[in-house]
Every structure is written in C-alpha cells, then in structure tokens.
Protein backbone atom coordinates (compact mmCIF):
# COMPACT_ATOMS: atom_id res chain seq x y z
CA MET A 1 -8.23 51.45 51.40
CA PRO A 2 -9.31 53.77 48.57
CA ALA A 3 -11.66 52.36 46.03
CA VAL A 4 -10.07 51.57 42.70
CA PRO A 5 -12.10 52.85 39.70
CA LEU A 6 -13.58 50.10 37.54
CA PHE A 7 -11.81 51.36 34.38
CA ALA A 8 -8.46 51.34 36.20
CA LEU A 9 -8.95 47.79 37.49
CA LEU A 10 -9.86 46.62 34.02
CA SER A 11 -6.86 48.38 32.56
CA ARG A 12 -4.55 46.76 35.08
CA ARG A 13 -6.04 43.24 34.33
CA LEU A 14 -5.72 43.94 30.56
CA ALA A 15 -2.12 44.96 30.98
CA TRP A 16 -1.41 41.83 33.11
CA PHE A 17 -3.11 39.63 30.45
CA LEU A 18 -0.96 41.28 27.63
CA LEU A 19 2.20 40.74 29.69
CA LEU A 20 1.19 37.05 30.13
CA LEU A 21 0.62 36.66 26.39
CA CYS A 22 4.04 38.16 25.68
CA GLY A 23 5.67 35.82 28.08
CA LEU A 24 3.96 32.84 26.61
CA ALA A 25 4.95 33.95 23.07
CA GLY A 26 8.56 34.12 24.12
CA ALA A 27 8.54 30.81 25.91
CA GLN A 28 9.93 27.67 24.35
CA VAL A 29 6.72 25.55 23.97
CA PRO A 30 7.61 21.89 23.21
CA THR A 31 6.10 20.34 20.12
CA LEU A 32 5.68 16.72 19.17
CA SER A 33 6.86 15.48 15.71
CA LEU A 34 5.68 12.26 14.30
CA GLU A 35 9.16 11.51 12.95
CA SER A 36 10.60 11.89 16.49
CA LEU A 37 8.38 9.26 18.00
CA PRO A 38 9.77 5.74 18.23
CA ARG A 39 6.98 3.71 16.66
CA PRO A 40 5.68 6.02 13.90
CA ALA A 41 9.22 6.79 12.69
CA THR A 42 10.44 3.20 13.00
CA PRO A 43 7.43 0.89 13.35
CA PRO A 44 8.26 -2.21 15.30
CA ARG A 45 9.11 -5.57 13.79
CA GLU A 46 6.10 -7.75 14.43
CA ALA A 47 6.72 -11.07 16.13
CA GLY A 48 4.82 -13.02 13.51
CA PRO A 49 2.30 -12.74 10.64
CA VAL A 50 -0.14 -9.90 11.16
CA VAL A 51 -3.73 -10.87 10.40
CA PRO A 52 -6.48 -8.39 9.56
CA SER A 53 -8.17 -8.66 13.01
CA GLN A 54 -4.99 -7.45 14.68
CA VAL A 55 -4.80 -4.45 12.31
CA LEU A 56 -8.37 -3.63 13.19
CA ARG A 57 -7.61 -3.87 16.88
CA TRP A 58 -4.69 -1.43 16.57
CA ARG A 59 -6.93 1.01 14.77
CA GLN A 60 -9.78 0.70 17.30
CA GLU A 61 -7.40 1.16 20.24
CA ALA A 62 -5.93 4.23 18.42
CA GLU A 63 -9.38 5.81 18.15
CA ARG A 64 -9.97 5.25 21.85
CA TYR A 65 -6.70 6.88 22.73
CA GLU A 66 -7.28 9.76 20.29
CA HIS A 67 -10.76 10.59 21.63
CA GLY A 68 -10.36 9.45 25.30
CA ASP A 69 -12.99 6.84 24.88
CA GLY A 70 -12.51 4.49 27.86
CA LEU A 71 -8.79 5.26 27.88
CA PRO A 72 -6.74 8.32 28.89
CA ARG A 73 -6.57 10.66 25.90
CA ASP A 74 -3.15 10.19 24.41
CA PRO A 75 -2.56 11.48 20.91
CA VAL A 76 1.03 10.22 20.72
CA GLN A 77 -0.11 6.63 21.56
CA ALA A 78 -2.96 7.03 19.04
CA ALA A 79 -0.51 8.12 16.34
CA GLN A 80 1.75 5.16 17.06
CA LEU A 81 -1.05 2.73 16.70
CA TYR A 82 -2.56 4.42 13.67
CA CYS A 83 0.95 4.17 12.10
CA ARG A 84 1.13 0.35 12.70
CA ALA A 85 -2.35 -0.17 11.22
CA ALA A 86 -1.64 2.19 8.22
CA ARG A 87 1.40 0.09 7.16
CA TYR A 88 -0.90 -2.88 6.82
CA GLY A 89 -3.31 -1.02 4.52
CA ASP A 90 -6.04 0.13 6.98
CA ALA A 91 -7.59 3.09 5.09
CA VAL A 92 -9.41 4.44 8.11
CA ALA A 93 -6.09 4.49 10.15
CA GLN A 94 -4.32 6.17 7.25
CA TYR A 95 -7.02 8.87 7.10
CA ASN A 96 -7.15 9.41 10.81
CA LEU A 97 -3.44 9.77 11.13
CA ALA A 98 -3.39 12.21 8.19
CA TRP A 99 -6.13 14.20 9.90
CA MET A 100 -4.11 14.40 13.14
CA LEU A 101 -1.07 15.59 11.15
CA THR A 102 -3.03 18.18 9.15
CA ASN A 103 -4.73 19.64 12.20
CA ALA A 104 -1.84 19.19 14.75
CA ARG A 105 -4.06 17.02 16.94
CA GLY A 106 -1.40 16.42 19.68
CA ILE A 107 1.42 15.88 17.19
CA ALA A 108 3.30 18.39 14.99
CA ARG A 109 1.62 19.44 11.78
CA ASP A 110 3.09 17.80 8.70
CA ASP A 111 1.14 18.33 5.43
CA ALA A 112 3.68 16.41 3.41
CA GLN A 113 3.20 13.14 5.34
CA ALA A 114 -0.56 13.81 5.59
CA ALA A 115 -0.85 14.12 1.80
CA HIS A 116 0.77 10.63 1.38
CA LEU A 117 -1.51 9.09 3.92
CA PHE A 118 -4.66 10.80 2.46
CA SER A 119 -3.54 9.52 -0.91
CA ALA A 120 -3.18 5.87 0.34
CA ALA A 121 -6.64 6.02 1.82
CA ALA A 122 -8.11 7.74 -1.29
CA GLU A 123 -6.64 5.03 -3.56
CA GLN A 124 -8.57 2.47 -1.49
CA GLY A 125 -11.80 4.31 -2.34
CA MET A 126 -12.32 6.40 0.83
CA THR A 127 -14.38 9.46 -0.26
CA GLN A 128 -13.34 11.72 2.60
CA ALA A 129 -9.69 11.10 1.82
CA GLN A 130 -10.25 11.86 -1.86
CA ASN A 131 -11.83 15.22 -0.96
CA MET A 132 -8.89 16.10 1.36
CA LEU A 133 -6.34 15.09 -1.25
CA ALA A 134 -8.02 17.22 -3.87
CA SER A 135 -7.42 20.27 -1.72
CA MET A 136 -3.81 19.25 -0.89
CA GLY A 137 -2.52 18.24 -4.19
CA THR A 138 -0.21 15.36 -5.29
CA PRO A 139 2.11 14.04 -2.63
CA GLN A 140 5.73 14.80 -3.03
CA GLY A 141 8.79 12.91 -2.10
CA ALA A 142 9.20 9.47 -0.55
CA PRO A 143 6.38 7.85 1.34
CA PRO A 144 6.58 8.26 5.16
CA ALA A 145 7.65 5.45 7.44
CA CYS A 146 3.97 4.72 8.25
CA LEU A 147 3.37 3.65 4.64
CA LYS A 148 6.52 1.71 3.97
CA PRO A 149 6.23 -2.12 3.76
CA PRO A 150 6.62 -3.66 7.22
CA ASP A 151 10.03 -5.05 8.14
CA ALA A 152 8.56 -8.51 8.38
CA ASP A 153 7.82 -8.51 4.63
CA PRO A 154 10.28 -10.52 2.68
CA ALA A 155 13.02 -8.38 1.04
CA PRO A 156 13.02 -8.26 -2.79
CA VAL A 157 14.64 -11.21 -4.40
CA ILE A 158 16.81 -11.53 -7.44
CA ALA A 159 15.91 -14.45 -9.73
CA ALA A 160 18.04 -15.74 -12.55
CA ALA A 161 16.80 -14.93 -16.01
CA THR A 162 15.58 -17.69 -18.27
CA PRO A 163 15.98 -17.64 -22.10
CA ALA A 164 12.82 -16.62 -23.89
CA ARG A 165 10.12 -19.09 -24.91
CA LYS A 166 11.54 -22.03 -22.75
CA PRO A 167 9.19 -23.75 -20.32
CA VAL A 168 9.60 -22.88 -16.72
CA ALA A 169 10.64 -25.92 -14.58
CA LEU A 170 9.27 -25.14 -11.13
CA PRO A 171 7.60 -27.41 -8.57
CA ALA A 172 3.95 -27.31 -9.34
CA PRO A 173 1.22 -27.67 -6.85
CA PRO A 174 -2.05 -29.24 -8.08
CA PRO A 175 -4.49 -26.91 -9.84
CA PRO A 176 -7.18 -25.33 -7.77
CA ALA A 177 -9.96 -27.80 -7.06
CA ASN A 178 -12.58 -25.76 -8.92
CA ALA A 179 -10.47 -25.06 -12.02
CA PRO A 180 -12.29 -26.35 -15.15
CA PRO A 181 -10.20 -29.01 -16.92
CA THR A 182 -10.39 -27.23 -20.23
CA ILE A 183 -8.82 -24.02 -18.67
CA VAL A 184 -6.06 -26.13 -16.96
CA ARG A 185 -5.14 -27.81 -20.22
CA PHE A 186 -5.10 -24.53 -22.12
CA VAL A 187 -2.92 -22.77 -19.45
CA SER A 188 -0.62 -25.80 -19.26
CA LEU A 189 -0.04 -25.66 -23.10
CA VAL A 190 0.17 -21.84 -23.51
CA ALA A 191 1.88 -20.56 -20.30
CA PRO A 192 5.44 -21.75 -21.30
CA ASP A 193 5.07 -19.50 -24.39
CA TYR A 194 4.98 -16.66 -21.94
CA GLN A 195 7.75 -17.98 -19.73
CA LEU A 196 5.27 -18.62 -16.95
CA ALA A 197 4.65 -21.50 -14.70
CA PRO A 198 1.09 -22.77 -15.22
CA HIS A 199 0.34 -23.02 -11.48
CA LEU A 200 1.10 -19.34 -11.16
CA VAL A 201 -1.33 -18.31 -13.83
CA LEU A 202 -4.07 -20.64 -12.39
CA ALA A 203 -3.57 -19.14 -8.90
CA VAL A 204 -3.91 -15.62 -10.23
CA MET A 205 -6.96 -16.64 -12.28
CA ALA A 206 -8.63 -18.33 -9.22
CA THR A 207 -8.04 -15.18 -7.13
CA GLU A 208 -9.15 -12.74 -9.85
CA SER A 209 -12.29 -14.32 -11.18
CA ASN A 210 -12.79 -17.76 -9.58
CA PHE A 211 -12.61 -19.07 -13.14
CA ASP A 212 -15.77 -17.02 -14.27
CA PRO A 213 -15.15 -15.87 -17.83
CA LEU A 214 -17.93 -13.37 -17.52
CA ALA A 215 -16.72 -11.79 -14.20
CA LEU A 216 -16.93 -8.03 -14.15
CA SER A 217 -15.55 -5.89 -11.26
CA PRO A 218 -16.74 -2.48 -10.16
CA LYS A 219 -13.62 -1.09 -11.89
CA ASN A 220 -14.65 -2.73 -15.14
CA ALA A 221 -12.13 -5.38 -14.98
CA GLN A 222 -13.24 -8.24 -17.24
CA GLY A 223 -12.96 -11.94 -17.68
CA LEU A 224 -10.92 -14.79 -16.27
CA MET A 225 -7.78 -12.61 -15.66
CA GLN A 226 -9.80 -9.43 -14.78
CA LEU A 227 -8.21 -7.13 -17.41
CA ILE A 228 -9.16 -3.44 -17.08
CA PRO A 229 -9.74 -1.69 -20.43
CA ASP A 230 -6.30 -0.02 -20.43
CA THR A 231 -4.44 -3.26 -19.78
CA ALA A 232 -6.50 -5.12 -22.41
CA ALA A 233 -5.63 -2.47 -24.99
CA ARG A 234 -1.96 -2.42 -23.94
CA PHE A 235 -1.65 -6.19 -24.55
CA LYS A 236 -3.73 -6.26 -27.75
CA VAL A 237 -6.78 -7.96 -26.33
CA ARG A 238 -9.67 -7.10 -28.56
CA ASN A 239 -12.40 -9.02 -26.82
CA PRO A 240 -11.78 -9.37 -23.06
CA THR A 241 -14.75 -11.73 -22.72
CA ASP A 242 -13.15 -14.26 -25.01
CA PRO A 243 -11.51 -16.75 -22.66
CA ALA A 244 -8.43 -17.39 -24.79
CA GLN A 245 -7.78 -13.72 -25.51
CA ASN A 246 -8.30 -12.88 -21.92
CA ILE A 247 -5.94 -15.49 -20.55
CA ARG A 248 -3.22 -14.61 -23.07
CA GLY A 249 -3.58 -10.93 -22.19
CA GLY A 250 -3.28 -11.69 -18.53
CA MET A 251 -0.24 -13.90 -19.14
CA ALA A 252 1.40 -11.16 -21.30
CA TYR A 253 0.92 -8.70 -18.44
CA LEU A 254 2.33 -11.18 -15.89
CA ARG A 255 5.40 -11.82 -18.16
CA TRP A 256 5.92 -8.07 -18.39
CA LEU A 257 5.65 -7.47 -14.68
CA LEU A 258 8.05 -10.28 -13.86
CA ALA A 259 10.60 -8.77 -16.14
CA TYR A 260 10.01 -5.22 -14.78
CA PHE A 261 10.49 -6.46 -11.21
CA GLU A 262 13.17 -9.04 -12.07
CA GLY A 263 11.34 -12.04 -10.88
CA ASP A 264 10.11 -10.76 -7.52
CA LEU A 265 6.63 -12.37 -7.18
CA SER A 266 5.49 -10.21 -4.29
CA LEU A 267 6.08 -7.05 -6.38
CA ALA A 268 4.75 -8.43 -9.65
CA LEU A 269 1.52 -9.71 -8.02
CA ALA A 270 1.05 -6.47 -6.13
CA ALA A 271 1.43 -4.59 -9.44
CA TYR A 272 -1.10 -7.02 -11.17
CA ASN A 273 -3.60 -5.98 -8.45
CA ALA A 274 -2.70 -2.25 -7.96
CA GLY A 275 -0.55 -1.24 -10.95
CA GLU A 276 3.17 -1.06 -11.29
CA ARG A 277 3.16 2.71 -10.67
CA ALA A 278 1.72 2.19 -7.15
CA VAL A 279 4.47 -0.37 -6.44
CA ASP A 280 7.06 2.01 -7.61
CA ARG A 281 5.69 4.90 -5.69
CA TYR A 282 5.49 3.05 -2.36
CA ARG A 283 8.74 1.11 -3.07
CA GLY A 284 7.16 -2.25 -2.33
CA VAL A 285 3.71 -3.75 -1.85
CA PRO A 286 1.38 -0.72 -1.59
CA PRO A 287 -0.27 -0.03 1.74
CA TYR A 288 -3.70 -1.30 0.52
CA ALA A 289 -5.47 -3.95 2.54
CA GLU A 290 -6.84 -5.62 -0.60
CA THR A 291 -3.46 -5.70 -2.22
CA ARG A 292 -1.63 -7.08 0.74
CA MET A 293 -4.19 -9.82 1.14
CA TYR A 294 -4.12 -10.55 -2.60
CA VAL A 295 -0.34 -11.14 -2.56
CA ARG A 296 -0.48 -13.34 0.52
CA ARG A 297 -3.27 -15.42 -0.82
CA ILE A 298 -1.53 -16.17 -4.21
CA ILE A 299 1.79 -16.91 -2.70
CA ALA A 300 0.24 -19.26 -0.24
CA ALA A 301 -1.59 -21.02 -3.18
CA ILE A 302 1.72 -21.59 -4.96
CA GLY A 303 3.44 -23.01 -1.94
CA GLY A 304 5.20 -19.96 -0.69
CA GLN A 305 7.23 -19.40 -3.92
CA ARG A 306 8.56 -15.85 -3.91
CA SER A 307 10.63 -15.61 -7.06
CA HIS A 308 9.99 -16.64 -10.63
CA PRO A 309 12.28 -16.85 -13.70
CA PHE A 310 11.86 -13.95 -16.06
CA ASP A 311 12.85 -12.82 -19.49
CA PRO A 312 15.01 -9.72 -19.26
CA THR A 313 14.41 -8.86 -22.97
CA VAL A 314 10.74 -8.16 -22.37
CA THR A 315 11.27 -4.76 -20.65
CA ALA A 316 13.85 -2.80 -18.77
CA PRO A 317 13.67 -3.24 -14.98
CA SER A 318 12.05 -0.76 -12.61
CA ALA A 319 14.35 2.09 -11.74
CA MET A 320 13.22 1.69 -8.14
CA LEU A 321 14.66 -1.88 -7.67
CA ALA A 322 18.12 -0.55 -6.76
CA LEU A 323 16.53 1.61 -4.01
CA LEU A 324 14.35 -1.26 -2.78
CA ARG A 325 17.43 -3.44 -2.36
CA ASP A 326 19.53 -0.69 -0.97
CA PRO A 327 17.61 1.91 0.95
CA ALA A 328 20.71 4.00 1.61
CA ARG A 329 21.05 4.65 -2.23
CA PRO A 330 19.62 8.06 -3.35
CA ALA A 331 16.27 7.72 -5.18
CA PRO A 332 16.57 8.07 -9.02
CA ARG A 333 15.45 11.43 -10.42
C-alpha cells in the first residue's frame, strides 16, 4: 500500500472535519425553552403553606442539580426548582435562574425573563444582580411565570367602601403585648379619622418598629411607622421622629394604599413594605422574601383578615386591579 503524504492526510482529515461541521450546522438541534417546561412555565400549586426552610431546600437542591454536586447534572430540573424558590422571594434562586437564562446553561437563552429575575434579586439588595441589571437595562413586559404570585396566595378581594371619617367596625384582636398604653390610646382615638381599624395600625407598627419611636432602618426609614423621607414628605410629616406626626403619616399612607388597592390587605401591606409601584409591576405581592414574610406576619397578627373597608374618594384605584382579577384581560397601556 503506497504511503500517503502527510499533507494529503491532513487535507483529507480537514475536509472530513469541514463536512462534519456543515452536517451539524444543517441538523435540527433541539433546544430547551424555560416556557416549555411544565414547572417553570406553570409552577405547581403547593399542598400547603410554604415556609422559608422549604424554599431554601428547593434552591439548594437546584444548585446540586445545576452543578452535578452529589446528584446527576440536570439543568432542566435545576431551573424548575429555582423557579419554585424564585416565586417565594429567594434572591439567590432568582439570580441563578437568570444566569442560566442569560448564558443558555442547559435551557434556551431568554434575556427578557433574565432581566426580570435579575431585577427582583437586585431589588432585594443583591450586588451581583444589580451589576447584571445595569448592563441589561430595565425589564420590559409582564413578569415571567417564575415571579408571579404563587397560586396558593389568596386572590385579590373586593371590599365594600365605607363613607369617609366613620369608624371602622371590625373584630379587633387585643393590642400587641408590648404596645405602650399611651400609643394604644392614641391609635384608638385617631385611627377612625383615617378610616382605619386600630388593630391594623398597631400590627403594622409592631412589625415596622416594635414600638420604638427612634427606630432607624438602613434605608433611612424613621420612627414608629418607619416612614422613608419620600413618604414623610408626601404625607406632610415635617418631623418623622415626633411620634404623633409619624403615626398620622403612616395612617395617611395606609388609608391611601387601601383606597388604591380597593381594600385588599395583602396588596396594601405589600405596598407599605415595598412600594405600590412594585406591587403594580409584579401584579401582586412582589417576589421579595422580606415582603412576603411581612404580609404573612401582619395578617396573622390581625386574625387572618384579608380585606378592609376603604374610602374610594381618597384616590383612584390601581389600573392593574382589573388585570389582577382577570388575568385574561389585556394589560393597560
């Protein structure tokens, strides 16, 4: 058999390699899309209340599937678990899923969904997510399924409006055990002027400041009702450290939020913690772990009450309420 010159052998191998590449280029290579997956697109209804430890387990299991750490590497299963944890406000799960989407780590690339997920993690203070979001820009369109409120969350409620300045007659649990009597008396006298049940105001105050009039948060929220400077100015609070002014400012904001969300306490409380714009943008309680826990804690403190009478003359309702109650309706422009 005649010897084949080296350059000829290399040329043949190069030609074979180029033909292989052409064949691969023309082949139909299957891709995985997050929206085509059963769990990420339509996360399952949970059997009961989801506690933070369960959310952490979902995320930790997802990390093991993503990296093949003690489990077979399975990016699809990782995405499904990250999605479940992301809905309950786990910032790391939100970031990790966004990273998989941005880099096509076993699932199809989707920068639009990734931007929303990076945004949710960034809004919870995650520096890496803030850096990624700065390069991607503001998210556009509706939040993805992995950031929508879980199906187990109560649907928005419609409460009947009450005439302005009339006391709210609602079953009242006892004041928090550590509530100073002077504050309880003040709230009991003044809350009806804002069409608010006193026990709701006291529950918010207990969660916000634990009745410390000098409380100051890392975000510069001040006083008993933890008013940030913008909210204090918006409701004419000149001295946020003055207990009476602070309580009145917080009650004015609560009254406004209840009118804006037509008496839905979950939405109003979420907005008190995270801002009404975040509630509108996510079309429900935002996917922040702190906000979800905040809402659950206060609603539990007031005996599970989920609606509150409101004064419809205070402000026009949120334009997103119709969409929240009827997901099939087109979003307002």
